[in-house]
Protein backbone atom coordinates (compact mmCIF):
# COMPACT_ATOMS: atom_id res chain seq x y z
CA MET A 1 5.55 0.26 -2.08
CA ALA A 2 2.36 -1.78 -0.81
CA HIS A 3 2.90 -4.43 1.88
CA LYS A 4 1.49 -7.67 1.96
CA ARG A 5 -0.74 -8.78 4.86
CA PRO A 6 1.34 -11.51 6.87
CA ASN A 7 -0.51 -14.72 7.74
CA ALA A 8 -3.14 -14.05 5.25
CA ASN A 9 -4.47 -17.74 5.99
CA ARG A 10 -6.16 -16.93 9.52
CA ALA A 11 -9.36 -17.14 9.58
CA SER A 12 -10.03 -14.28 11.56
CA GLU A 13 -8.46 -12.21 8.97
CA ARG A 14 -10.65 -13.41 6.03
CA GLU A 15 -13.95 -12.22 7.75
CA PRO A 16 -14.41 -8.87 6.38
CA LEU A 17 -16.75 -6.52 8.17
CA ALA A 18 -17.12 -4.31 5.12
CA ALA A 19 -16.15 -5.12 1.03
CA LEU A 20 -15.73 -2.34 -1.25
CA THR A 21 -16.36 -3.76 -5.07
CA PRO A 22 -16.13 -1.62 -8.10
CA SER A 23 -19.12 -2.37 -10.58
CA PRO A 24 -17.93 -3.97 -14.12
CA VAL A 25 -19.63 -1.21 -15.90
CA ARG A 26 -18.20 1.32 -14.24
CA ARG A 27 -15.04 0.03 -14.40
CA HIS A 28 -15.13 -0.79 -18.01
CA LEU A 29 -16.40 3.07 -18.42
CA ALA A 30 -13.70 4.59 -16.65
CA SER A 31 -10.79 2.40 -18.33
CA GLY A 32 -12.55 3.16 -21.63
CA LEU A 33 -13.31 6.96 -21.01
CA MET A 34 -9.34 7.18 -20.48
CA LEU A 35 -8.16 5.05 -23.28
CA THR A 36 -11.09 7.57 -25.56
CA LEU A 37 -9.04 10.56 -23.74
CA GLY A 38 -5.58 8.87 -25.10
CA ALA A 39 -6.88 8.43 -28.55
CA VAL A 40 -8.07 11.64 -28.65
CA LEU A 41 -4.38 13.60 -27.45
CA VAL A 42 -2.65 11.30 -29.25
CA TYR A 43 -4.74 11.76 -33.30
CA VAL A 44 -4.63 15.68 -32.32
CA ALA A 45 -0.73 15.60 -31.60
CA PHE A 46 -0.49 13.67 -34.98
CA SER A 47 -2.81 15.45 -37.07
CA GLY A 48 -1.23 18.72 -36.25
CA TRP A 49 2.45 17.35 -36.47
CA ASN A 50 4.49 19.88 -38.81
CA SER A 51 7.38 20.29 -36.66
CA LEU A 52 9.13 19.56 -33.54
CA ASN A 53 6.60 21.59 -31.74
CA PRO A 54 6.87 21.13 -27.77
CA ALA A 55 2.60 21.53 -27.64
CA TYR A 56 2.62 18.26 -30.14
CA LEU A 57 5.18 16.57 -28.15
CA ALA A 58 3.21 17.46 -25.01
CA LEU A 59 -0.21 16.34 -26.48
CA ALA A 60 1.82 13.00 -27.90
CA ALA A 61 3.00 11.77 -24.29
CA LEU A 62 0.17 12.86 -22.49
CA GLY A 63 -2.00 10.71 -24.88
CA LEU A 64 0.22 7.93 -24.29
CA SER A 65 0.34 8.71 -20.55
CA SER A 66 -3.67 7.97 -20.60
CA PHE A 67 -3.56 4.66 -22.49
CA VAL A 68 -1.04 3.54 -19.10
CA VAL A 69 -3.34 4.91 -16.66
CA ALA A 70 -5.97 3.19 -18.38
CA TRP A 71 -4.22 -0.28 -18.43
CA ARG A 72 -3.54 0.41 -14.85
CA MET A 73 -7.49 1.60 -13.66
CA HIS A 74 -8.48 -1.58 -15.63
CA ALA A 75 -6.20 -4.05 -13.59
CA ALA A 76 -6.37 -2.28 -10.26
CA THR A 77 -10.66 -2.34 -10.22
CA SER A 78 -10.32 -5.57 -10.91
CA LYS A 79 -9.42 -6.15 -7.20
CA SER A 80 -11.52 -5.33 -4.04
CA LEU A 81 -11.04 -3.45 -0.33
CA HIS A 82 -12.04 -5.57 2.74
CA LEU A 83 -12.18 -3.93 6.35
CA CYS A 84 -11.05 -6.00 8.43
CA LYS A 85 -10.70 -5.89 12.51
CA GLU A 86 -7.11 -5.79 11.71
CA GLY A 87 -6.90 -3.04 8.96
CA VAL A 88 -8.32 -2.12 5.61
CA TYR A 89 -6.59 -4.99 2.90
CA SER A 90 -6.77 -5.50 -1.12
CA SER A 91 -8.05 -8.46 -2.07
CA ASP A 92 -4.57 -9.53 -3.33
CA GLY A 93 -3.65 -8.86 0.51
CA THR A 94 -2.11 -5.85 0.16
CA VAL A 95 -2.19 -3.65 3.23
CA VAL A 96 -3.99 -0.35 2.80
CA ALA A 97 -4.08 0.58 5.99
CA GLU A 98 -3.53 -0.81 9.78
CA ILE A 99 -6.13 -0.61 12.36
CA GLY A 100 -3.64 0.89 14.73
CA ASN A 101 -2.34 3.43 12.41
CA ILE A 102 -5.49 4.99 11.50
CA SER A 103 -6.18 8.35 13.20
CA ARG A 104 -9.61 8.97 11.81
CA VAL A 105 -12.11 8.73 9.02
CA GLU A 106 -13.23 11.98 7.07
CA ARG A 107 -16.42 11.57 4.81
CA GLY A 108 -17.77 14.86 5.05
CA LEU A 109 -18.85 17.25 1.75
CA PHE A 110 -15.62 19.41 1.99
CA ALA A 111 -13.04 16.39 2.56
CA PHE A 112 -10.66 16.13 -0.23
CA LYS A 113 -11.91 12.56 -1.04
CA PRO A 114 -12.00 10.60 -4.25
CA SER A 115 -15.68 10.12 -5.81
CA ASN A 116 -18.03 7.95 -3.47
CA GLY A 117 -15.67 6.92 -1.56
CA PHE A 118 -13.73 8.95 1.75
CA LEU A 119 -10.69 9.89 3.26
CA ILE A 120 -8.56 7.80 5.76
CA VAL A 121 -5.97 9.79 8.32
CA LEU A 122 -2.97 8.00 9.37
CA LYS A 123 -1.08 8.46 12.71
CA ASN A 124 2.62 7.80 10.89
CA PRO A 125 2.83 7.78 6.99
CA MET A 126 3.09 4.97 4.92
CA GLY A 127 4.63 4.53 1.46
CA HIS A 128 3.00 6.23 -1.37
CA ALA A 129 0.93 3.65 -3.55
CA TRP A 130 -1.94 4.14 -6.26
CA GLN A 131 -4.47 1.85 -7.51
CA PRO A 132 -6.26 4.30 -9.63
CA GLY A 133 -10.10 3.78 -9.67
CA LEU A 134 -9.92 1.95 -6.27
CA TRP A 135 -7.84 3.79 -3.72
CA TRP A 136 -4.52 5.90 -3.29
CA ARG A 137 -2.25 6.58 -0.24
CA LEU A 138 0.30 9.84 -0.02
CA GLY A 139 1.84 10.42 3.05
CA ARG A 140 -0.80 10.39 6.21
CA ARG A 141 -3.63 10.22 4.00
CA ILE A 142 -5.16 7.69 1.90
CA GLY A 143 -8.54 8.12 -0.31
CA VAL A 144 -10.53 5.22 -0.57
CA GLY A 145 -13.00 5.49 -3.94
CA GLY A 146 -13.42 6.28 -7.41
CA VAL A 147 -15.35 3.79 -9.50
CA THR A 148 -17.20 1.90 -6.40
CA PRO A 149 -20.73 1.94 -5.76
CA GLN A 150 -21.62 5.01 -3.03
CA GLY A 151 -23.77 2.42 -0.75
CA GLN A 152 -20.73 -0.12 0.00
CA GLY A 153 -18.16 3.68 0.50
CA LYS A 154 -20.70 4.88 2.73
CA VAL A 155 -21.05 1.41 5.15
CA MET A 156 -17.54 0.79 4.73
CA ALA A 157 -16.48 4.21 6.15
CA GLU A 158 -19.64 4.11 9.02
CA ARG A 159 -18.03 0.52 10.12
CA LEU A 160 -14.06 1.59 10.10
CA HIS A 161 -15.44 4.94 12.13
CA LEU A 162 -17.18 2.73 14.79
CA LEU A 163 -14.52 0.47 14.81
CA LEU A 164 -11.94 2.84 15.64
CA HIS A 165 -14.59 4.47 18.24
CA ASN A 166 -14.93 1.45 19.86
CA GLN A 167 -11.06 0.96 20.00
CA ASP A 168 -10.60 3.95 21.97
């Protein structure tokens, strides 16, 4: 479950060191592609429907799931991520990671990270959360990126790395 940031009105917390905002074109393109995938899967499932074949049921379920993911992606990418001295937060106040809980940042070529993004490794696991196209959190790992610009992701990763290095 995502946590909301306490004391969100303090001025120091509202001054981001870096921001990661999905571009409208990528956001609509990604959502549109998921909708198209869902439509194709549902069409194939119902065009070949002649009995209760499990394959057709699976295609229909995947198609409907694609519609849900497209809707969630469109909603999630309307927000942005902000790096503050206290941690990484969503623009709606959701705590993605607190700075004291971040162990390291991985942005290498072979890191398991989202497209145009980076990976945050936590000291202690947080609850699972998923904002498709923007970030996900699973145990001790947080993937940041997806439909976000590569330059903004690189800047945020470097500033987070410097913030962690200066803290030690």
